[in-house]
C-alpha atoms as a PDB file:
ATOM      1  CA  MET A   1      -6.197 -19.245  -6.575  1.00  0.00           C
ATOM      2  CA  ILE A   2      -3.762 -16.991  -4.739  1.00  0.00           C
ATOM      3  CA  TYR A   3      -1.916 -18.400  -1.847  1.00  0.00           C
ATOM      4  CA  VAL A   4      -0.154 -16.020   0.988  1.00  0.00           C
ATOM      5  CA  SER A   5       2.917 -17.818   2.275  1.00  0.00           C
ATOM      6  CA  PRO A   6       4.308 -15.626   4.453  1.00  0.00           C
ATOM      7  CA  SER A   7       8.196 -15.978   5.158  1.00  0.00           C
ATOM      8  CA  VAL A   8       9.224 -17.089   9.082  1.00  0.00           C
ATOM      9  CA  LEU A   9      12.508 -15.595   8.023  1.00  0.00           C
ATOM     10  CA  ALA A  10      10.900 -11.878   9.512  1.00  0.00           C
ATOM     11  CA  ALA A  11       9.165 -13.245  12.547  1.00  0.00           C
ATOM     12  CA  ASP A  12      10.438 -12.625  15.954  1.00  0.00           C
ATOM     13  CA  PHE A  13      12.124 -16.008  16.838  1.00  0.00           C
ATOM     14  CA  SER A  14      12.284 -15.045  20.525  1.00  0.00           C
ATOM     15  CA  ARG A  15       8.249 -15.557  20.089  1.00  0.00           C
ATOM     16  CA  LEU A  16       8.066 -17.442  17.151  1.00  0.00           C
ATOM     17  CA  GLY A  17       5.325 -19.769  17.853  1.00  0.00           C
ATOM     18  CA  GLU A  18       2.587 -16.389  18.844  1.00  0.00           C
ATOM     19  CA  GLU A  19       3.784 -15.328  15.451  1.00  0.00           C
ATOM     20  CA  ILE A  20       2.759 -17.898  13.477  1.00  0.00           C
ATOM     21  CA  THR A  21      -0.818 -18.291  15.136  1.00  0.00           C
ATOM     22  CA  LYS A  22      -1.364 -14.623  14.678  1.00  0.00           C
ATOM     23  CA  ILE A  23      -0.211 -15.091  10.746  1.00  0.00           C
ATOM     24  CA  GLU A  24      -2.722 -18.050  10.969  1.00  0.00           C
ATOM     25  CA  ALA A  25      -5.671 -16.058  11.992  1.00  0.00           C
ATOM     26  CA  CYS A  26      -4.597 -13.480   9.810  1.00  0.00           C
ATOM     27  CA  GLY A  27      -5.847 -15.329   7.068  1.00  0.00           C
ATOM     28  CA  ALA A  28      -2.609 -17.331   5.869  1.00  0.00           C
ATOM     29  CA  ASN A  29      -2.174 -20.269   3.150  1.00  0.00           C
ATOM     30  CA  TYR A  30       1.235 -21.660   3.781  1.00  0.00           C
ATOM     31  CA  LEU A  31       3.850 -20.568   6.057  1.00  0.00           C
ATOM     32  CA  HIS A  32       7.633 -20.493   4.111  1.00  0.00           C
ATOM     33  CA  LEU A  33      10.191 -22.220   5.936  1.00  0.00           C
ATOM     34  CA  ASP A  34      13.886 -21.236   4.399  1.00  0.00           C
ATOM     35  CA  VAL A  35      16.161 -23.168   5.652  1.00  0.00           C
ATOM     36  CA  MET A  36      19.498 -21.975   4.741  1.00  0.00           C
ATOM     37  CA  ASP A  37      22.890 -23.730   5.237  1.00  0.00           C
ATOM     38  CA  GLY A  38      26.033 -21.856   5.102  1.00  0.00           C
ATOM     39  CA  ALA A  39      27.015 -23.356   1.793  1.00  0.00           C
ATOM     40  CA  PHE A  40      24.338 -22.837  -0.726  1.00  0.00           C
ATOM     41  CA  VAL A  41      23.855 -19.505   0.765  1.00  0.00           C
ATOM     42  CA  PRO A  42      25.862 -17.185   2.593  1.00  0.00           C
ATOM     43  CA  ASN A  43      23.436 -16.973   5.076  1.00  0.00           C
ATOM     44  CA  ILE A  44      22.595 -19.670   8.424  1.00  0.00           C
ATOM     45  CA  SER A  45      18.620 -20.452   9.208  1.00  0.00           C
ATOM     46  CA  PHE A  46      17.680 -23.024  11.302  1.00  0.00           C
ATOM     47  CA  GLY A  47      17.124 -26.906  10.477  1.00  0.00           C
ATOM     48  CA  PRO A  48      14.065 -30.143  11.292  1.00  0.00           C
ATOM     49  CA  ALA A  49      13.611 -29.807  14.915  1.00  0.00           C
ATOM     50  CA  VAL A  50      12.696 -25.888  14.811  1.00  0.00           C
ATOM     51  CA  ILE A  51      10.102 -27.128  11.958  1.00  0.00           C
ATOM     52  CA  ALA A  52       9.429 -30.095  14.183  1.00  0.00           C
ATOM     53  CA  SER A  53       7.976 -28.078  17.242  1.00  0.00           C
ATOM     54  CA  VAL A  54       6.092 -25.411  15.346  1.00  0.00           C
ATOM     55  CA  ARG A  55       4.281 -28.012  13.250  1.00  0.00           C
ATOM     56  CA  LYS A  56       2.256 -28.740  16.479  1.00  0.00           C
ATOM     57  CA  GLN A  57       0.684 -25.600  16.877  1.00  0.00           C
ATOM     58  CA  SER A  58       0.083 -24.646  13.323  1.00  0.00           C
ATOM     59  CA  LYS A  59      -2.345 -26.351  11.174  1.00  0.00           C
ATOM     60  CA  LEU A  60      -0.674 -24.167   8.118  1.00  0.00           C
ATOM     61  CA  LEU A  61       0.600 -25.663   5.089  1.00  0.00           C
ATOM     62  CA  PHE A  62       4.049 -26.182   5.670  1.00  0.00           C
ATOM     63  CA  ASP A  63       6.414 -24.814   2.835  1.00  0.00           C
ATOM     64  CA  VAL A  64       9.482 -25.929   3.593  1.00  0.00           C
ATOM     65  CA  HIS A  65      12.419 -23.975   1.136  1.00  0.00           C
ATOM     66  CA  LEU A  66      15.329 -26.007   1.240  1.00  0.00           C
ATOM     67  CA  MET A  67      18.330 -23.581   0.197  1.00  0.00           C
ATOM     68  CA  ILE A  68      21.424 -25.813   0.937  1.00  0.00           C
ATOM     69  CA  GLU A  69      23.553 -28.240  -1.480  1.00  0.00           C
ATOM     70  CA  LYS A  70      22.858 -31.793  -2.327  1.00  0.00           C
ATOM     71  CA  PRO A  71      19.755 -31.281  -0.985  1.00  0.00           C
ATOM     72  CA  GLU A  72      19.042 -34.907  -0.938  1.00  0.00           C
ATOM     73  CA  ARG A  73      21.077 -35.970   1.994  1.00  0.00           C
ATOM     74  CA  TYR A  74      18.579 -34.429   4.117  1.00  0.00           C
ATOM     75  CA  ILE A  75      14.788 -34.858   2.806  1.00  0.00           C
ATOM     76  CA  ASP A  76      13.912 -37.424   5.085  1.00  0.00           C
ATOM     77  CA  ASP A  77      14.533 -35.410   8.336  1.00  0.00           C
ATOM     78  CA  TYR A  78      12.347 -32.460   6.502  1.00  0.00           C
ATOM     79  CA  ILE A  79       9.787 -35.158   5.644  1.00  0.00           C
ATOM     80  CA  LYS A  80       9.572 -36.355   9.325  1.00  0.00           C
ATOM     81  CA  ALA A  81       9.649 -32.508  11.084  1.00  0.00           C
ATOM     82  CA  GLY A  82       5.640 -31.720   8.835  1.00  0.00           C
ATOM     83  CA  ALA A  83       7.264 -30.655   5.752  1.00  0.00           C
ATOM     84  CA  ASP A  84       3.636 -30.340   3.333  1.00  0.00           C
ATOM     85  CA  ILE A  85       6.014 -29.445   0.709  1.00  0.00           C
ATOM     86  CA  ILE A  86       9.587 -29.403   0.166  1.00  0.00           C
ATOM     87  CA  CYS A  87      11.179 -27.686  -2.365  1.00  0.00           C
ATOM     88  CA  PHE A  88      14.911 -27.812  -3.619  1.00  0.00           C
ATOM     89  CA  HIS A  89      16.908 -25.842  -5.790  1.00  0.00           C
ATOM     90  CA  TYR A  90      17.571 -27.038  -9.531  1.00  0.00           C
ATOM     91  CA  GLU A  91      20.962 -25.498  -8.724  1.00  0.00           C
ATOM     92  CA  ALA A  92      21.625 -27.785  -5.719  1.00  0.00           C
ATOM     93  CA  THR A  93      21.863 -31.223  -6.703  1.00  0.00           C
ATOM     94  CA  GLU A  94      22.475 -34.063  -9.365  1.00  0.00           C
ATOM     95  CA  LYS A  95      19.769 -35.997  -8.443  1.00  0.00           C
ATOM     96  CA  ALA A  96      16.157 -33.962  -9.056  1.00  0.00           C
ATOM     97  CA  ASP A  97      14.380 -36.761 -10.410  1.00  0.00           C
ATOM     98  CA  GLU A  98      15.389 -38.408  -7.506  1.00  0.00           C
ATOM     99  CA  ILE A  99      13.970 -36.030  -5.380  1.00  0.00           C
ATOM    100  CA  ILE A 100      11.070 -35.698  -7.576  1.00  0.00           C
ATOM    101  CA  GLU A 101      10.203 -39.827  -6.798  1.00  0.00           C
ATOM    102  CA  TYR A 102      10.897 -39.835  -3.738  1.00  0.00           C
ATOM    103  CA  VAL A 103       9.298 -36.930  -2.014  1.00  0.00           C
ATOM    104  CA  HIS A 104       5.996 -38.072  -3.696  1.00  0.00           C
ATOM    105  CA  ASP A 105       6.174 -41.696  -3.151  1.00  0.00           C
ATOM    106  CA  HIS A 106       5.963 -39.792   1.092  1.00  0.00           C
ATOM    107  CA  ASP A 107       2.933 -38.212   0.211  1.00  0.00           C
ATOM    108  CA  VAL A 108       4.406 -34.967   0.434  1.00  0.00           C
ATOM    109  CA  LYS A 109       4.167 -32.514  -2.013  1.00  0.00           C
ATOM    110  CA  VAL A 110       7.269 -31.147  -4.435  1.00  0.00           C
ATOM    111  CA  ALA A 111       8.687 -28.013  -5.405  1.00  0.00           C
ATOM    112  CA  MET A 112      11.379 -26.710  -7.541  1.00  0.00           C
ATOM    113  CA  ALA A 113      13.483 -23.444  -7.290  1.00  0.00           C
ATOM    114  CA  ILE A 114      15.354 -21.669  -9.332  1.00  0.00           C
ATOM    115  CA  SER A 115      17.736 -18.520  -8.284  1.00  0.00           C
ATOM    116  CA  PRO A 116      17.946 -14.833 -10.477  1.00  0.00           C
ATOM    117  CA  LYS A 117      20.629 -16.030 -13.022  1.00  0.00           C
ATOM    118  CA  THR A 118      19.285 -19.666 -14.009  1.00  0.00           C
ATOM    119  CA  PRO A 119      17.073 -19.423 -17.318  1.00  0.00           C
ATOM    120  CA  ALA A 120      13.272 -20.755 -16.627  1.00  0.00           C
ATOM    121  CA  GLU A 121      14.190 -23.235 -19.008  1.00  0.00           C
ATOM    122  CA  VAL A 122      15.455 -25.740 -16.647  1.00  0.00           C
ATOM    123  CA  LEU A 123      12.151 -26.227 -15.225  1.00  0.00           C
ATOM    124  CA  LEU A 124      10.825 -27.350 -18.251  1.00  0.00           C
ATOM    125  CA  PRO A 125      11.512 -31.177 -18.138  1.00  0.00           C
ATOM    126  CA  TYR A 126      10.406 -31.607 -14.891  1.00  0.00           C
ATOM    127  CA  LEU A 127       6.717 -30.022 -14.916  1.00  0.00           C
ATOM    128  CA  ASP A 128       4.958 -32.499 -15.169  1.00  0.00           C
ATOM    129  CA  ARG A 129       5.936 -34.289 -11.835  1.00  0.00           C
ATOM    130  CA  LEU A 130       6.202 -31.218  -9.688  1.00  0.00           C
ATOM    131  CA  ASP A 131       3.129 -29.532  -7.840  1.00  0.00           C
ATOM    132  CA  MET A 132       4.595 -26.076  -7.605  1.00  0.00           C
ATOM    133  CA  VAL A 133       7.589 -23.948  -9.308  1.00  0.00           C
ATOM    134  CA  LEU A 134       8.949 -21.345  -6.910  1.00  0.00           C
ATOM    135  CA  ILE A 135      10.473 -18.096  -8.988  1.00  0.00           C
ATOM    136  CA  MET A 136      13.604 -16.528  -6.473  1.00  0.00           C
ATOM    137  CA  THR A 137      12.796 -12.812  -6.799  1.00  0.00           C
ATOM    138  CA  VAL A 138      16.445 -11.698  -5.024  1.00  0.00           C
ATOM    139  CA  GLU A 139      19.406 -13.512  -4.597  1.00  0.00           C
ATOM    140  CA  PRO A 140      18.636 -16.247  -1.643  1.00  0.00           C
ATOM    141  CA  GLY A 141      19.827 -15.825   1.399  1.00  0.00           C
ATOM    142  CA  PHE A 142      18.818 -12.865   3.004  1.00  0.00           C
ATOM    143  CA  GLY A 143      15.496 -11.093   3.490  1.00  0.00           C
ATOM    144  CA  GLY A 144      14.805  -7.176   3.377  1.00  0.00           C
ATOM    145  CA  GLN A 145      15.815  -7.188  -0.631  1.00  0.00           C
ATOM    146  CA  LYS A 146      14.602  -5.406  -3.189  1.00  0.00           C
ATOM    147  CA  MET A 147      12.002  -8.129  -6.185  1.00  0.00           C
ATOM    148  CA  ILE A 148      14.149  -7.713  -8.892  1.00  0.00           C
ATOM    149  CA  PRO A 149      11.608  -7.445 -12.140  1.00  0.00           C
ATOM    150  CA  GLU A 150      12.733  -9.127 -14.629  1.00  0.00           C
ATOM    151  CA  THR A 151      12.882 -12.221 -12.835  1.00  0.00           C
ATOM    152  CA  LEU A 152       9.038 -12.271 -13.721  1.00  0.00           C
ATOM    153  CA  ASP A 153       9.068 -12.717 -17.179  1.00  0.00           C
ATOM    154  CA  LYS A 154      10.363 -16.598 -15.990  1.00  0.00           C
ATOM    155  CA  CYS A 155       6.882 -16.798 -14.274  1.00  0.00           C
ATOM    156  CA  ARG A 156       5.265 -15.645 -17.653  1.00  0.00           C
ATOM    157  CA  LEU A 157       6.599 -18.353 -19.413  1.00  0.00           C
ATOM    158  CA  LEU A 158       6.433 -21.183 -17.512  1.00  0.00           C
ATOM    159  CA  ARG A 159       2.218 -19.961 -16.616  1.00  0.00           C
ATOM    160  CA  ARG A 160       1.793 -20.322 -20.853  1.00  0.00           C
ATOM    161  CA  GLU A 161       3.265 -23.905 -20.708  1.00  0.00           C
ATOM    162  CA  ILE A 162       1.452 -24.952 -17.536  1.00  0.00           C
ATOM    163  CA  THR A 163      -1.561 -24.060 -19.555  1.00  0.00           C
ATOM    164  CA  ALA A 164      -0.783 -25.577 -22.363  1.00  0.00           C
ATOM    165  CA  ARG A 165       0.191 -29.089 -20.777  1.00  0.00           C
ATOM    166  CA  GLY A 166      -2.784 -28.619 -19.194  1.00  0.00           C
ATOM    167  CA  LEU A 167      -1.476 -28.575 -15.480  1.00  0.00           C
ATOM    168  CA  ALA A 168      -2.173 -27.610 -12.113  1.00  0.00           C
ATOM    169  CA  THR A 169       1.432 -26.770 -11.227  1.00  0.00           C
ATOM    170  CA  ASN A 170       1.804 -23.801  -8.939  1.00  0.00           C
ATOM    171  CA  ILE A 171       3.808 -20.808  -9.282  1.00  0.00           C
ATOM    172  CA  GLU A 172       5.389 -19.215  -6.329  1.00  0.00           C
ATOM    173  CA  VAL A 173       7.301 -15.833  -6.265  1.00  0.00           C
ATOM    174  CA  ASP A 174       9.682 -15.470  -3.172  1.00  0.00           C
ATOM    175  CA  GLY A 175      11.881 -12.236  -2.327  1.00  0.00           C
ATOM    176  CA  GLY A 176      11.043  -7.918  -2.396  1.00  0.00           C
ATOM    177  CA  ILE A 177       7.253  -8.888  -2.540  1.00  0.00           C
ATOM    178  CA  THR A 178       5.225  -6.041  -0.918  1.00  0.00           C
ATOM    179  CA  ALA A 179       1.154  -5.399  -1.434  1.00  0.00           C
ATOM    180  CA  GLU A 180       2.382  -2.859  -3.831  1.00  0.00           C
ATOM    181  CA  ASN A 181       4.347  -4.478  -5.958  1.00  0.00           C
ATOM    182  CA  VAL A 182       2.462  -7.787  -6.051  1.00  0.00           C
ATOM    183  CA  TRP A 183      -0.128  -7.795  -8.394  1.00  0.00           C
ATOM    184  CA  LEU A 184       3.252  -7.574 -11.033  1.00  0.00           C
ATOM    185  CA  ALA A 185       3.686 -11.361  -9.831  1.00  0.00           C
ATOM    186  CA  SER A 186      -0.103 -11.656 -10.486  1.00  0.00           C
ATOM    187  CA  ALA A 187      -0.159 -10.527 -13.983  1.00  0.00           C
ATOM    188  CA  ASN A 188       2.576 -12.814 -15.170  1.00  0.00           C
ATOM    189  CA  GLY A 189       1.416 -15.929 -13.947  1.00  0.00           C
ATOM    190  CA  ALA A 190       2.346 -16.355 -10.783  1.00  0.00           C
ATOM    191  CA  ASN A 191      -0.142 -17.462  -7.455  1.00  0.00           C
ATOM    192  CA  VAL A 192       1.894 -18.239  -4.535  1.00  0.00           C
ATOM    193  CA  ILE A 193       2.948 -15.479  -2.986  1.00  0.00           C
ATOM    194  CA  VAL A 194       5.579 -15.320   0.129  1.00  0.00           C
ATOM    195  CA  ALA A 195       6.235 -11.972   1.678  1.00  0.00           C
ATOM    196  CA  GLY A 196       8.332 -11.856   4.835  1.00  0.00           C
ATOM    197  CA  SER A 197       8.461  -8.801   6.014  1.00  0.00           C
ATOM    198  CA  ALA A 198       5.612  -6.606   4.017  1.00  0.00           C
ATOM    199  CA  ILE A 199       3.388  -9.422   6.643  1.00  0.00           C
ATOM    200  CA  PHE A 200       5.740 -10.270   9.759  1.00  0.00           C
ATOM    201  CA  ARG A 201       6.531  -6.538  10.610  1.00  0.00           C
ATOM    202  CA  SER A 202       3.405  -5.384   9.730  1.00  0.00           C
ATOM    203  CA  PRO A 203       1.396  -4.097  12.859  1.00  0.00           C
ATOM    204  CA  LYS A 204      -1.596  -4.946  10.311  1.00  0.00           C
ATOM    205  CA  PRO A 205      -0.616  -8.078   9.082  1.00  0.00           C
ATOM    206  CA  ARG A 206      -4.157  -9.366   8.366  1.00  0.00           C
ATOM    207  CA  ALA A 207      -4.724  -6.094   5.882  1.00  0.00           C
ATOM    208  CA  VAL A 208      -1.986  -6.833   4.222  1.00  0.00           C
ATOM    209  CA  ILE A 209      -2.328 -10.151   3.694  1.00  0.00           C
ATOM    210  CA  SER A 210      -6.044  -8.967   2.682  1.00  0.00           C
ATOM    211  CA  LYS A 211      -4.453  -6.444  -0.195  1.00  0.00           C
ATOM    212  CA  MET A 212      -2.125  -8.748  -1.712  1.00  0.00           C
ATOM    213  CA  ARG A 213      -4.938 -11.648  -2.377  1.00  0.00           C
ATOM    214  CA  SER A 214      -7.077  -8.082  -3.398  1.00  0.00           C
ATOM    215  CA  GLU A 215      -4.259  -6.475  -5.825  1.00  0.00           C
ATOM    216  CA  CYS A 216      -3.665  -9.460  -7.285  1.00  0.00           C
ATOM    217  CA  ASP A 217      -7.280 -10.369  -7.935  1.00  0.00           C
ATOM    218  CA  LEU A 218      -7.116  -6.774  -9.591  1.00  0.00           C
ATOM    219  CA  HIS A 219      -4.612  -8.020 -12.333  1.00  0.00           C
ATOM    220  CA  PRO A 220      -4.760 -11.364 -13.204  1.00  0.00           C
ATOM    221  CA  PHE A 221      -2.553 -13.255 -15.601  1.00  0.00           C
ATOM    222  CA  ALA A 222      -3.580 -12.118 -19.148  1.00  0.00           C
ATOM    223  CA  GLY A 223      -2.001 -14.182 -21.148  1.00  0.00           C
END
């Protein structure tokens, strides 16, 4: 199944609650919430207080992407804020095993992300314990970038491994995804689509979400 996770970074923050309500009504599955600390990535976004405030207004699954150094320091804050999925970066911590166990112990799903220069193979030892993996298709830190097509090779490798192991792990892609190129992601094995500008800044977000799903359905992973 294809899941669409609009990235709130592209929303109008002066009317954030309305923007999220609109996107939910347009058929989104998740809400992608990028947390940036200005250290792991060269940008700063928002923290758990913002997530907790919008949690009250939405039934979407909150897909919280922690682009922060040593995320283990703040996991509790995001669990309490209402995260349904907590995604941390392989490159940002030396305590991946502890994070995975801790998040699952609190009945929250856990995902691990890798940046464009990190090989997919680093995820293989963790696959059996992850609910999702996130392949960054741009350098993390800023929205509005163009997708790096070569990053999708990682999705293909991981989808084959997930299938071989009989797992149900989702593969998420984030960065430069549009209704015109989303088929490349699904054809390479991704099934969770993050899109910011393409959805939030469209005058017809419902049509964009619908087209993304139909394009993915037309171009499924073929092995």
